[in-house]
Amino acid sequence: MESPEPAPVLCMTGSIVTGCFVSRLVQVEANLIRGQGVDVATVELDELDLPVFHERIEREGLPEGALLLKRLLARARVIVVGAPELNDGLTSVLKNAIDWASRPGPGEQHRGESFAGASAVIISASKHVHAGIRGADLLRNCLVSLGVTVLPEHVAVPRAPEAFHGSQLDDADAQADLQGMALAVVAELSIPRREVHQMTWAERAALVPDRGSST
């Protein structure tokens, strides 16, 4: 794959199927954020060709795909994570990429340094009514454990095939939710990365006007 340049916003998706609806939603979101004048890097995690994480492989050095993802994460202020759901959980591609990127790289002492201090939003979707929220809940717990602040703007699209007309998103509610997420992402960029994960929601709201609570 062609290596994307690091950017303030990283959009990444753990798709395991061709034409994944979540990947398409993340692309719409990336374009909305770019429309606000913000540089965005995008990566489909399956293209990193990462081996299944194992300490034995890690001892030989992190794979190049893991190092690339770590570089993108370290420079990103906000991560937009597309979370396809499999068996009510995360896809193996998404979890495996997170596991590799969480490992200490050259010059790092602790796990999760590539993630710590960043903020994230989650996009999920499903052919069914639950819209992938069960897998998204597991993803949220995983990101929080790595020092990421997961913002409350979660776009979850039920009956995803009905949301698209051909290649175009044709669901007004989903479009409005994605636009609201884009505005929240841009607002989040005004808070320095290495401070935000230590703030309460009240302190964050004071810095960014019209920000709601996590409830």
N, C-alpha and C. Protein backbone atom coordinates (compact mmCIF):
# COMPACT_ATOMS: atom_id res chain seq x y z
N MET A 1 0.83 -1.19 0.00
CA MET A 1 0.00 0.00 0.00
C MET A 1 0.87 1.25 0.00
N GLU A 2 0.35 2.34 -0.56
CA GLU A 2 1.05 3.61 -0.54
C GLU A 2 0.94 4.22 0.86
N SER A 3 2.08 4.60 1.43
CA SER A 3 2.09 5.11 2.79
C SER A 3 1.50 6.51 2.85
N PRO A 4 0.42 6.71 3.63
CA PRO A 4 -0.13 8.06 3.77
C PRO A 4 0.76 8.93 4.63
N GLU A 5 0.69 10.23 4.41
CA GLU A 5 1.44 11.18 5.23
C GLU A 5 0.71 11.38 6.56
N PRO A 6 1.44 11.50 7.67
CA PRO A 6 0.79 11.79 8.95
C PRO A 6 -0.03 13.07 8.89
N ALA A 7 -1.11 13.13 9.65
CA ALA A 7 -2.01 14.28 9.62
C ALA A 7 -2.67 14.43 10.99
N PRO A 8 -3.27 15.60 11.27
CA PRO A 8 -3.93 15.81 12.57
C PRO A 8 -5.09 14.85 12.81
N VAL A 9 -5.70 14.36 11.75
CA VAL A 9 -6.80 13.40 11.89
C VAL A 9 -6.43 12.13 11.12
N LEU A 10 -6.58 11.00 11.79
CA LEU A 10 -6.34 9.70 11.18
C LEU A 10 -7.66 8.94 11.12
N CYS A 11 -8.06 8.53 9.92
CA CYS A 11 -9.24 7.68 9.74
C CYS A 11 -8.76 6.27 9.44
N MET A 12 -9.16 5.30 10.27
CA MET A 12 -8.74 3.93 10.03
C MET A 12 -9.92 2.98 10.22
N THR A 13 -9.95 1.94 9.38
CA THR A 13 -11.07 1.01 9.38
C THR A 13 -10.56 -0.42 9.35
N GLY A 14 -11.18 -1.27 10.16
CA GLY A 14 -10.80 -2.67 10.22
C GLY A 14 -11.72 -3.55 9.42
N SER A 15 -11.87 -3.25 8.14
CA SER A 15 -12.81 -3.99 7.29
C SER A 15 -12.26 -5.37 6.93
N ILE A 16 -13.18 -6.33 6.78
CA ILE A 16 -12.80 -7.67 6.34
C ILE A 16 -13.60 -8.10 5.12
N VAL A 17 -14.40 -7.19 4.54
CA VAL A 17 -15.19 -7.52 3.36
C VAL A 17 -15.04 -6.42 2.32
N THR A 18 -15.15 -6.79 1.06
CA THR A 18 -15.12 -5.81 -0.02
C THR A 18 -16.40 -4.98 -0.01
N GLY A 19 -16.26 -3.66 -0.18
CA GLY A 19 -17.44 -2.80 -0.18
C GLY A 19 -18.05 -2.59 1.18
N CYS A 20 -17.23 -2.70 2.23
CA CYS A 20 -17.72 -2.58 3.61
C CYS A 20 -18.45 -1.24 3.82
N PHE A 21 -19.64 -1.32 4.40
CA PHE A 21 -20.43 -0.10 4.63
C PHE A 21 -19.72 0.84 5.61
N VAL A 22 -19.07 0.28 6.60
CA VAL A 22 -18.36 1.12 7.57
C VAL A 22 -17.22 1.87 6.87
N SER A 23 -16.49 1.21 6.00
CA SER A 23 -15.43 1.89 5.26
C SER A 23 -15.98 3.04 4.43
N ARG A 24 -17.15 2.84 3.85
CA ARG A 24 -17.76 3.89 3.04
C ARG A 24 -18.20 5.06 3.90
N LEU A 25 -18.71 4.77 5.08
CA LEU A 25 -19.10 5.85 6.00
C LEU A 25 -17.87 6.63 6.47
N VAL A 26 -16.80 5.92 6.76
CA VAL A 26 -15.57 6.60 7.20
C VAL A 26 -15.03 7.49 6.09
N GLN A 27 -15.14 7.05 4.85
CA GLN A 27 -14.68 7.89 3.74
C GLN A 27 -15.51 9.16 3.62
N VAL A 28 -16.82 9.03 3.83
CA VAL A 28 -17.68 10.22 3.84
C VAL A 28 -17.23 11.17 4.95
N GLU A 29 -16.96 10.61 6.13
CA GLU A 29 -16.52 11.43 7.26
C GLU A 29 -15.19 12.12 6.96
N ALA A 30 -14.26 11.38 6.36
CA ALA A 30 -12.96 11.97 6.02
C ALA A 30 -13.14 13.16 5.08
N ASN A 31 -14.02 13.03 4.12
CA ASN A 31 -14.25 14.13 3.17
C ASN A 31 -14.91 15.33 3.86
N LEU A 32 -15.81 15.06 4.81
CA LEU A 32 -16.44 16.16 5.54
C LEU A 32 -15.41 16.92 6.37
N ILE A 33 -14.48 16.19 6.98
CA ILE A 33 -13.44 16.85 7.78
C ILE A 33 -12.51 17.64 6.88
N ARG A 34 -12.14 17.06 5.75
CA ARG A 34 -11.30 17.80 4.78
C ARG A 34 -12.01 19.07 4.33
N GLY A 35 -13.33 19.00 4.22
CA GLY A 35 -14.09 20.18 3.82
C GLY A 35 -14.01 21.31 4.83
N GLN A 36 -13.57 20.99 6.07
CA GLN A 36 -13.36 22.01 7.09
C GLN A 36 -11.93 22.54 7.07
N GLY A 37 -11.15 22.16 6.05
CA GLY A 37 -9.79 22.66 5.91
C GLY A 37 -8.76 21.91 6.73
N VAL A 38 -9.07 20.66 7.12
CA VAL A 38 -8.17 19.87 7.97
C VAL A 38 -7.57 18.73 7.15
N ASP A 39 -6.27 18.49 7.30
CA ASP A 39 -5.62 17.37 6.64
C ASP A 39 -6.03 16.06 7.32
N VAL A 40 -6.30 15.05 6.52
CA VAL A 40 -6.74 13.76 7.02
C VAL A 40 -5.92 12.66 6.37
N ALA A 41 -5.41 11.73 7.18
CA ALA A 41 -4.78 10.51 6.67
C ALA A 41 -5.77 9.37 6.79
N THR A 42 -5.82 8.51 5.80
CA THR A 42 -6.74 7.37 5.84
C THR A 42 -5.96 6.08 5.62
N VAL A 43 -6.38 5.03 6.31
CA VAL A 43 -5.74 3.73 6.14
C VAL A 43 -6.77 2.63 6.36
N GLU A 44 -6.77 1.67 5.43
CA GLU A 44 -7.53 0.44 5.60
C GLU A 44 -6.58 -0.56 6.25
N LEU A 45 -6.89 -0.98 7.46
CA LEU A 45 -5.95 -1.74 8.26
C LEU A 45 -5.60 -3.09 7.65
N ASP A 46 -6.49 -3.67 6.86
CA ASP A 46 -6.18 -4.96 6.25
C ASP A 46 -5.03 -4.83 5.24
N GLU A 47 -4.81 -3.63 4.71
CA GLU A 47 -3.75 -3.42 3.74
C GLU A 47 -2.36 -3.36 4.39
N LEU A 48 -2.31 -3.29 5.71
CA LEU A 48 -1.02 -3.28 6.39
C LEU A 48 -0.38 -4.66 6.42
N ASP A 49 -1.17 -5.68 6.14
CA ASP A 49 -0.66 -7.06 6.05
C ASP A 49 0.10 -7.45 7.31
N LEU A 50 -0.52 -7.25 8.46
CA LEU A 50 0.13 -7.57 9.73
C LEU A 50 -0.07 -9.05 10.09
N PRO A 51 0.98 -9.69 10.60
CA PRO A 51 0.78 -11.05 11.11
C PRO A 51 -0.05 -11.01 12.38
N VAL A 52 -0.63 -12.14 12.74
CA VAL A 52 -1.34 -12.21 14.01
C VAL A 52 -0.36 -11.93 15.14
N PHE A 53 -0.75 -11.05 16.06
CA PHE A 53 0.19 -10.64 17.10
C PHE A 53 0.62 -11.83 17.95
N HIS A 54 1.94 -11.90 18.16
CA HIS A 54 2.51 -12.91 19.05
C HIS A 54 3.83 -12.35 19.57
N GLU A 55 4.09 -12.59 20.86
CA GLU A 55 5.32 -12.09 21.46
C GLU A 55 6.55 -12.61 20.74
N ARG A 56 6.48 -13.83 20.23
CA ARG A 56 7.63 -14.41 19.52
C ARG A 56 8.00 -13.55 18.30
N ILE A 57 6.98 -13.09 17.57
CA ILE A 57 7.23 -12.24 16.40
C ILE A 57 7.71 -10.87 16.85
N GLU A 58 7.11 -10.35 17.93
CA GLU A 58 7.50 -9.03 18.43
C GLU A 58 8.98 -8.99 18.81
N ARG A 59 9.51 -10.08 19.36
CA ARG A 59 10.92 -10.10 19.76
C ARG A 59 11.85 -9.92 18.57
N GLU A 60 11.37 -10.22 17.37
CA GLU A 60 12.17 -10.05 16.16
C GLU A 60 12.09 -8.63 15.61
N GLY A 61 11.24 -7.81 16.24
CA GLY A 61 11.06 -6.43 15.78
C GLY A 61 9.67 -6.22 15.25
N LEU A 62 9.13 -5.01 15.43
CA LEU A 62 7.79 -4.73 14.96
C LEU A 62 7.73 -4.76 13.44
N PRO A 63 6.67 -5.34 12.87
CA PRO A 63 6.53 -5.35 11.41
C PRO A 63 6.42 -3.93 10.87
N GLU A 64 6.78 -3.75 9.60
CA GLU A 64 6.76 -2.43 8.99
C GLU A 64 5.36 -1.82 9.03
N GLY A 65 4.33 -2.64 8.84
CA GLY A 65 2.95 -2.13 8.90
C GLY A 65 2.61 -1.57 10.27
N ALA A 66 3.12 -2.21 11.32
CA ALA A 66 2.88 -1.71 12.68
C ALA A 66 3.61 -0.39 12.90
N LEU A 67 4.84 -0.29 12.40
CA LEU A 67 5.60 0.95 12.55
C LEU A 67 4.94 2.10 11.80
N LEU A 68 4.40 1.81 10.61
CA LEU A 68 3.69 2.84 9.86
C LEU A 68 2.47 3.32 10.63
N LEU A 69 1.69 2.38 11.15
CA LEU A 69 0.49 2.76 11.90
C LEU A 69 0.86 3.55 13.14
N LYS A 70 1.93 3.17 13.83
CA LYS A 70 2.36 3.90 15.01
C LYS A 70 2.75 5.34 14.66
N ARG A 71 3.41 5.53 13.52
CA ARG A 71 3.78 6.89 13.11
C ARG A 71 2.54 7.74 12.85
N LEU A 72 1.56 7.14 12.21
CA LEU A 72 0.32 7.88 11.92
C LEU A 72 -0.42 8.21 13.21
N LEU A 73 -0.47 7.27 14.13
CA LEU A 73 -1.17 7.49 15.40
C LEU A 73 -0.46 8.55 16.23
N ALA A 74 0.86 8.50 16.26
CA ALA A 74 1.61 9.44 17.10
C ALA A 74 1.42 10.88 16.66
N ARG A 75 1.14 11.12 15.37
CA ARG A 75 0.97 12.47 14.86
C ARG A 75 -0.49 12.91 14.83
N ALA A 76 -1.39 11.98 15.09
CA ALA A 76 -2.83 12.30 15.00
C ALA A 76 -3.34 12.87 16.31
N ARG A 77 -4.09 13.94 16.21
CA ARG A 77 -4.77 14.49 17.39
C ARG A 77 -6.08 13.77 17.63
N VAL A 78 -6.77 13.42 16.55
CA VAL A 78 -8.04 12.71 16.65
C VAL A 78 -8.00 11.50 15.71
N ILE A 79 -8.50 10.38 16.20
CA ILE A 79 -8.57 9.15 15.43
C ILE A 79 -10.04 8.85 15.15
N VAL A 80 -10.39 8.71 13.89
CA VAL A 80 -11.73 8.26 13.49
C VAL A 80 -11.63 6.77 13.20
N VAL A 81 -12.30 5.96 14.01
CA VAL A 81 -12.16 4.51 13.89
C VAL A 81 -13.45 3.92 13.32
N GLY A 82 -13.32 3.29 12.16
CA GLY A 82 -14.43 2.55 11.59
C GLY A 82 -14.42 1.15 12.15
N ALA A 83 -15.53 0.77 12.80
CA ALA A 83 -15.57 -0.48 13.56
C ALA A 83 -16.63 -1.43 13.01
N PRO A 84 -16.30 -2.17 11.95
CA PRO A 84 -17.21 -3.24 11.53
C PRO A 84 -17.35 -4.27 12.65
N GLU A 85 -18.47 -4.93 12.68
CA GLU A 85 -18.74 -5.88 13.76
C GLU A 85 -18.72 -7.30 13.23
N LEU A 86 -18.16 -8.21 14.00
CA LEU A 86 -18.16 -9.63 13.66
C LEU A 86 -18.46 -10.42 14.92
N ASN A 87 -19.52 -11.22 14.88
CA ASN A 87 -19.91 -12.02 16.04
C ASN A 87 -20.08 -11.17 17.29
N ASP A 88 -20.70 -10.02 17.13
CA ASP A 88 -20.94 -9.07 18.22
C ASP A 88 -19.65 -8.54 18.85
N GLY A 89 -18.58 -8.57 18.12
CA GLY A 89 -17.31 -8.06 18.63
C GLY A 89 -16.55 -7.33 17.54
N LEU A 90 -15.24 -7.15 17.76
CA LEU A 90 -14.39 -6.47 16.80
C LEU A 90 -13.92 -7.44 15.72
N THR A 91 -13.66 -6.93 14.54
CA THR A 91 -13.03 -7.77 13.53
C THR A 91 -11.59 -8.07 13.95
N SER A 92 -11.10 -9.21 13.51
CA SER A 92 -9.72 -9.58 13.84
C SER A 92 -8.73 -8.57 13.28
N VAL A 93 -9.03 -8.00 12.12
CA VAL A 93 -8.13 -7.01 11.50
C VAL A 93 -7.97 -5.79 12.40
N LEU A 94 -9.08 -5.30 12.93
CA LEU A 94 -9.04 -4.10 13.78
C LEU A 94 -8.33 -4.38 15.10
N LYS A 95 -8.70 -5.44 15.76
CA LYS A 95 -8.08 -5.74 17.07
C LYS A 95 -6.60 -6.05 16.92
N ASN A 96 -6.24 -6.78 15.88
CA ASN A 96 -4.84 -7.12 15.68
C ASN A 96 -3.99 -5.88 15.40
N ALA A 97 -4.52 -4.95 14.62
CA ALA A 97 -3.79 -3.71 14.34
C ALA A 97 -3.60 -2.89 15.60
N ILE A 98 -4.65 -2.80 16.42
CA ILE A 98 -4.54 -2.07 17.69
C ILE A 98 -3.50 -2.72 18.59
N ASP A 99 -3.52 -4.05 18.64
CA ASP A 99 -2.56 -4.76 19.49
C ASP A 99 -1.12 -4.48 19.05
N TRP A 100 -0.85 -4.54 17.75
CA TRP A 100 0.50 -4.26 17.27
C TRP A 100 0.89 -2.81 17.54
N ALA A 101 -0.01 -1.87 17.25
CA ALA A 101 0.32 -0.45 17.41
C ALA A 101 0.48 -0.07 18.87
N SER A 102 -0.06 -0.87 19.78
CA SER A 102 0.06 -0.56 21.21
C SER A 102 1.41 -0.97 21.78
N ARG A 103 2.17 -1.76 21.05
CA ARG A 103 3.43 -2.26 21.59
C ARG A 103 4.52 -1.19 21.51
N PRO A 104 5.43 -1.16 22.49
CA PRO A 104 6.50 -0.16 22.47
C PRO A 104 7.38 -0.30 21.23
N GLY A 105 7.63 0.82 20.58
CA GLY A 105 8.52 0.84 19.44
C GLY A 105 9.86 1.45 19.81
N PRO A 106 10.69 1.72 18.83
CA PRO A 106 11.98 2.36 19.12
C PRO A 106 11.82 3.67 19.88
N GLY A 107 12.52 3.78 20.99
CA GLY A 107 12.47 4.99 21.80
C GLY A 107 11.29 5.06 22.75
N GLU A 108 10.43 4.05 22.77
CA GLU A 108 9.27 4.03 23.67
C GLU A 108 9.52 3.06 24.82
N GLN A 109 8.95 3.39 25.98
CA GLN A 109 9.15 2.58 27.18
C GLN A 109 7.92 1.79 27.58
N HIS A 110 6.74 2.27 27.18
CA HIS A 110 5.50 1.69 27.69
C HIS A 110 4.54 1.37 26.55
N ARG A 111 3.63 0.47 26.81
CA ARG A 111 2.61 0.15 25.82
C ARG A 111 1.66 1.33 25.67
N GLY A 112 1.12 1.47 24.51
CA GLY A 112 0.09 2.49 24.28
C GLY A 112 0.60 3.89 24.04
N GLU A 113 1.91 4.09 23.93
CA GLU A 113 2.41 5.46 23.77
C GLU A 113 1.96 6.09 22.46
N SER A 114 1.72 5.30 21.44
CA SER A 114 1.25 5.85 20.16
C SER A 114 -0.18 6.38 20.26
N PHE A 115 -0.94 5.83 21.21
CA PHE A 115 -2.34 6.22 21.39
C PHE A 115 -2.54 7.29 22.45
N ALA A 116 -1.73 7.26 23.50
CA ALA A 116 -2.01 8.04 24.70
C ALA A 116 -2.14 9.53 24.42
N GLY A 117 -3.22 10.12 24.93
CA GLY A 117 -3.45 11.55 24.79
C GLY A 117 -4.27 11.93 23.59
N ALA A 118 -4.48 11.00 22.66
CA ALA A 118 -5.32 11.29 21.50
C ALA A 118 -6.79 11.19 21.88
N SER A 119 -7.64 11.70 21.02
CA SER A 119 -9.08 11.52 21.15
C SER A 119 -9.56 10.68 19.98
N ALA A 120 -10.73 10.07 20.14
CA ALA A 120 -11.24 9.21 19.07
C ALA A 120 -12.75 9.33 18.98
N VAL A 121 -13.24 9.08 17.78
CA VAL A 121 -14.68 8.89 17.54
C VAL A 121 -14.85 7.57 16.81
N ILE A 122 -16.01 6.97 16.98
CA ILE A 122 -16.27 5.64 16.43
C ILE A 122 -17.44 5.69 15.46
N ILE A 123 -17.26 5.02 14.34
CA ILE A 123 -18.33 4.85 13.35
C ILE A 123 -18.61 3.35 13.21
N SER A 124 -19.85 2.97 13.39
CA SER A 124 -20.24 1.57 13.24
C SER A 124 -21.48 1.48 12.37
N ALA A 125 -21.74 0.30 11.87
CA ALA A 125 -22.92 0.08 11.03
C ALA A 125 -23.17 -1.41 10.96
N SER A 126 -24.37 -1.75 10.57
CA SER A 126 -24.74 -3.16 10.45
C SER A 126 -25.92 -3.29 9.51
N LYS A 127 -26.08 -4.46 8.95
CA LYS A 127 -27.28 -4.76 8.17
C LYS A 127 -28.50 -4.86 9.06
N HIS A 128 -28.27 -4.98 10.36
CA HIS A 128 -29.34 -5.20 11.33
C HIS A 128 -29.62 -3.93 12.13
N VAL A 129 -30.60 -4.00 13.03
CA VAL A 129 -31.06 -2.80 13.72
C VAL A 129 -30.09 -2.32 14.80
N HIS A 130 -29.21 -3.18 15.31
CA HIS A 130 -28.35 -2.76 16.42
C HIS A 130 -27.17 -1.92 15.96
N ALA A 131 -26.94 -1.83 14.64
CA ALA A 131 -25.99 -0.87 14.06
C ALA A 131 -24.54 -1.06 14.52
N GLY A 132 -24.20 -2.25 14.96
CA GLY A 132 -22.82 -2.51 15.34
C GLY A 132 -22.39 -1.96 16.68
N ILE A 133 -23.34 -1.58 17.51
CA ILE A 133 -22.97 -0.91 18.76
C ILE A 133 -22.31 -1.85 19.76
N ARG A 134 -22.55 -3.15 19.66
CA ARG A 134 -21.93 -4.06 20.63
C ARG A 134 -20.43 -4.16 20.39
N GLY A 135 -20.03 -4.25 19.14
CA GLY A 135 -18.60 -4.22 18.85
C GLY A 135 -17.98 -2.88 19.18
N ALA A 136 -18.73 -1.79 18.95
CA ALA A 136 -18.22 -0.45 19.26
C ALA A 136 -17.99 -0.29 20.75
N ASP A 137 -18.82 -0.88 21.57
CA ASP A 137 -18.62 -0.81 23.02
C ASP A 137 -17.30 -1.47 23.42
N LEU A 138 -17.00 -2.61 22.82
CA LEU A 138 -15.74 -3.29 23.11
C LEU A 138 -14.55 -2.45 22.64
N LEU A 139 -14.69 -1.83 21.49
CA LEU A 139 -13.63 -0.96 20.98
C LEU A 139 -13.40 0.22 21.92
N ARG A 140 -14.47 0.81 22.41
CA ARG A 140 -14.35 1.95 23.33
C ARG A 140 -13.52 1.55 24.56
N ASN A 141 -13.81 0.40 25.13
CA ASN A 141 -13.07 -0.06 26.31
C ASN A 141 -11.59 -0.24 25.98
N CYS A 142 -11.31 -0.79 24.81
CA CYS A 142 -9.93 -1.03 24.40
C CYS A 142 -9.17 0.29 24.25
N LEU A 143 -9.79 1.26 23.59
CA LEU A 143 -9.13 2.55 23.38
C LEU A 143 -8.89 3.29 24.69
N VAL A 144 -9.87 3.27 25.56
CA VAL A 144 -9.73 3.94 26.86
C VAL A 144 -8.56 3.34 27.64
N SER A 145 -8.39 2.03 27.56
CA SER A 145 -7.30 1.38 28.29
C SER A 145 -5.94 1.82 27.78
N LEU A 146 -5.90 2.36 26.55
CA LEU A 146 -4.64 2.82 25.96
C LEU A 146 -4.46 4.33 26.11
N GLY A 147 -5.30 4.98 26.90
CA GLY A 147 -5.14 6.40 27.17
C GLY A 147 -5.82 7.31 26.19
N VAL A 148 -6.77 6.78 25.41
CA VAL A 148 -7.50 7.57 24.43
C VAL A 148 -8.80 8.09 25.05
N THR A 149 -9.13 9.34 24.79
CA THR A 149 -10.42 9.90 25.18
C THR A 149 -11.41 9.64 24.04
N VAL A 150 -12.41 8.81 24.28
CA VAL A 150 -13.41 8.51 23.26
C VAL A 150 -14.55 9.52 23.39
N LEU A 151 -14.74 10.31 22.36
CA LEU A 151 -15.76 11.35 22.38
C LEU A 151 -17.15 10.75 22.27
N PRO A 152 -18.17 11.47 22.73
CA PRO A 152 -19.53 10.93 22.71
C PRO A 152 -20.17 10.88 21.33
N GLU A 153 -19.58 11.55 20.36
CA GLU A 153 -20.16 11.55 19.01
C GLU A 153 -19.89 10.21 18.32
N HIS A 154 -20.81 9.29 18.49
CA HIS A 154 -20.71 7.95 17.89
C HIS A 154 -21.77 7.83 16.80
N VAL A 155 -21.33 7.62 15.57
CA VAL A 155 -22.28 7.43 14.47
C VAL A 155 -22.51 5.94 14.30
N ALA A 156 -23.75 5.52 14.47
CA ALA A 156 -24.14 4.11 14.33
C ALA A 156 -25.30 4.03 13.35
N VAL A 157 -25.09 3.34 12.24
CA VAL A 157 -26.08 3.31 11.15
C VAL A 157 -26.70 1.92 11.08
N PRO A 158 -27.99 1.79 11.41
CA PRO A 158 -28.66 0.50 11.27
C PRO A 158 -29.10 0.27 9.82
N ARG A 159 -29.34 -0.99 9.49
CA ARG A 159 -29.80 -1.34 8.13
C ARG A 159 -28.96 -0.61 7.08
N ALA A 160 -27.67 -0.76 7.19
CA ALA A 160 -26.73 0.01 6.36
C ALA A 160 -26.98 -0.10 4.86
N PRO A 161 -27.36 -1.26 4.31
CA PRO A 161 -27.59 -1.30 2.86
C PRO A 161 -28.66 -0.31 2.39
N GLU A 162 -29.61 0.02 3.26
CA GLU A 162 -30.67 0.95 2.89
C GLU A 162 -30.20 2.40 2.96
N ALA A 163 -29.03 2.64 3.59
CA ALA A 163 -28.54 4.01 3.75
C ALA A 163 -27.84 4.51 2.49
N PHE A 164 -27.54 3.61 1.55
CA PHE A 164 -26.81 3.99 0.36
C PHE A 164 -27.66 3.78 -0.89
N HIS A 165 -27.49 4.69 -1.83
CA HIS A 165 -28.07 4.54 -3.16
C HIS A 165 -26.90 4.43 -4.12
N GLY A 166 -26.60 3.20 -4.53
CA GLY A 166 -25.38 2.99 -5.29
C GLY A 166 -24.18 3.26 -4.38
N SER A 167 -23.30 4.12 -4.82
CA SER A 167 -22.12 4.46 -4.01
C SER A 167 -22.34 5.68 -3.13
N GLN A 168 -23.51 6.29 -3.21
CA GLN A 168 -23.77 7.53 -2.50
C GLN A 168 -24.56 7.30 -1.21
N LEU A 169 -24.15 7.96 -0.14
CA LEU A 169 -24.91 7.92 1.10
C LEU A 169 -26.20 8.69 0.90
N ASP A 170 -27.32 8.01 1.14
CA ASP A 170 -28.62 8.59 0.83
C ASP A 170 -29.51 8.64 2.06
N ASP A 171 -28.91 8.61 3.24
CA ASP A 171 -29.66 8.63 4.50
C ASP A 171 -29.43 9.98 5.17
N ALA A 172 -30.47 10.78 5.27
CA ALA A 172 -30.32 12.14 5.79
C ALA A 172 -29.86 12.14 7.24
N ASP A 173 -30.37 11.20 8.04
CA ASP A 173 -29.97 11.14 9.44
C ASP A 173 -28.49 10.80 9.58
N ALA A 174 -28.05 9.81 8.81
CA ALA A 174 -26.64 9.43 8.87
C ALA A 174 -25.75 10.58 8.40
N GLN A 175 -26.17 11.26 7.35
CA GLN A 175 -25.39 12.39 6.84
C GLN A 175 -25.29 13.49 7.89
N ALA A 176 -26.40 13.77 8.58
CA ALA A 176 -26.39 14.80 9.62
C ALA A 176 -25.51 14.38 10.79
N ASP A 177 -25.56 13.10 11.16
CA ASP A 177 -24.72 12.61 12.26
C ASP A 177 -23.24 12.71 11.90
N LEU A 178 -22.90 12.37 10.69
CA LEU A 178 -21.51 12.46 10.25
C LEU A 178 -21.03 13.90 10.20
N GLN A 179 -21.91 14.80 9.78
CA GLN A 179 -21.55 16.22 9.76
C GLN A 179 -21.32 16.73 11.18
N GLY A 180 -22.17 16.34 12.11
CA GLY A 180 -21.99 16.72 13.50
C GLY A 180 -20.69 16.17 14.07
N MET A 181 -20.35 14.94 13.69
CA MET A 181 -19.09 14.35 14.13
C MET A 181 -17.92 15.13 13.57
N ALA A 182 -17.99 15.53 12.30
CA ALA A 182 -16.90 16.29 11.69
C ALA A 182 -16.66 17.60 12.43
N LEU A 183 -17.73 18.27 12.80
CA LEU A 183 -17.59 19.53 13.54
C LEU A 183 -16.97 19.29 14.91
N ALA A 184 -17.35 18.19 15.56
CA ALA A 184 -16.78 17.86 16.86
C ALA A 184 -15.29 17.54 16.75
N VAL A 185 -14.92 16.83 15.70
CA VAL A 185 -13.51 16.50 15.48
C VAL A 185 -12.69 17.77 15.28
N VAL A 186 -13.19 18.67 14.45
CA VAL A 186 -12.46 19.92 14.20
C VAL A 186 -12.33 20.73 15.49
N ALA A 187 -13.39 20.77 16.29
CA ALA A 187 -13.34 21.49 17.57
C ALA A 187 -12.31 20.87 18.50
N GLU A 188 -12.20 19.55 18.47
CA GLU A 188 -11.27 18.85 19.36
C GLU A 188 -9.82 19.20 19.04
N LEU A 189 -9.55 19.56 17.81
CA LEU A 189 -8.18 19.88 17.41
C LEU A 189 -7.62 21.10 18.13
N SER A 190 -8.50 21.91 18.73
CA SER A 190 -8.03 23.12 19.42
C SER A 190 -7.44 22.81 20.79
N ILE A 191 -7.59 21.59 21.25
CA ILE A 191 -7.06 21.20 22.57
C ILE A 191 -5.78 20.39 22.36
N PRO A 192 -4.67 20.77 22.98
CA PRO A 192 -3.41 20.03 22.78
C PRO A 192 -3.54 18.57 23.17
N ARG A 193 -2.97 17.71 22.40
CA ARG A 193 -3.08 16.26 22.61
C ARG A 193 -2.59 15.83 23.99
N ARG A 194 -1.47 16.31 24.42
CA ARG A 194 -0.87 15.81 25.66
C ARG A 194 -1.50 16.38 26.92
N GLU A 195 -2.54 17.15 26.77
CA GLU A 195 -3.24 17.67 27.95
C GLU A 195 -4.66 17.12 28.05
N VAL A 196 -5.27 16.84 26.92
CA VAL A 196 -6.70 16.57 26.91
C VAL A 196 -7.08 15.33 27.72
N HIS A 197 -6.25 14.29 27.73
CA HIS A 197 -6.64 13.07 28.42
C HIS A 197 -6.59 13.22 29.94
N GLN A 198 -6.07 14.35 30.43
CA GLN A 198 -6.04 14.61 31.85
C GLN A 198 -7.17 15.52 32.31
N MET A 199 -8.01 15.98 31.36
CA MET A 199 -9.07 16.92 31.68
C MET A 199 -10.38 16.20 31.99
N THR A 200 -11.19 16.85 32.82
CA THR A 200 -12.56 16.38 33.01
C THR A 200 -13.40 16.89 31.85
N TRP A 201 -14.60 16.31 31.71
CA TRP A 201 -15.48 16.79 30.64
C TRP A 201 -15.86 18.25 30.85
N ALA A 202 -16.02 18.67 32.11
CA ALA A 202 -16.37 20.07 32.39
C ALA A 202 -15.25 21.00 31.93
N GLU A 203 -13.99 20.62 32.19
CA GLU A 203 -12.86 21.43 31.77
C GLU A 203 -12.76 21.50 30.25
N ARG A 204 -13.03 20.38 29.59
CA ARG A 204 -12.98 20.35 28.13
C ARG A 204 -14.07 21.21 27.53
N ALA A 205 -15.26 21.16 28.12
CA ALA A 205 -16.38 21.95 27.61
C ALA A 205 -16.09 23.45 27.75
N ALA A 206 -15.33 23.82 28.79
CA ALA A 206 -15.01 25.23 28.98
C ALA A 206 -14.05 25.73 27.88
N LEU A 207 -13.22 24.82 27.36
CA LEU A 207 -12.29 25.21 26.32
C LEU A 207 -12.94 25.25 24.95
N VAL A 208 -13.89 24.36 24.72
CA VAL A 208 -14.54 24.26 23.41
C VAL A 208 -16.02 24.59 23.57
N PRO A 209 -16.49 25.74 23.09
CA PRO A 209 -17.89 26.13 23.27
C PRO A 209 -18.84 25.09 22.69
N ASP A 210 -20.02 24.98 23.33
CA ASP A 210 -21.11 24.12 22.86
C ASP A 210 -20.75 22.64 22.83
N ARG A 211 -19.84 22.20 23.70
CA ARG A 211 -19.55 20.78 23.81
C ARG A 211 -20.42 20.20 24.90
N GLY A 212 -21.02 19.07 24.64
CA GLY A 212 -21.86 18.43 25.62
C GLY A 212 -21.08 17.51 26.53
N SER A 213 -21.80 16.89 27.44
CA SER A 213 -21.18 15.91 28.34
C SER A 213 -21.16 14.55 27.66
N SER A 214 -20.59 13.57 28.34
CA SER A 214 -20.52 12.23 27.77
C SER A 214 -21.80 11.44 27.98
N THR A 215 -22.77 12.01 28.66
CA THR A 215 -24.00 11.27 28.93
C THR A 215 -25.01 11.50 27.83
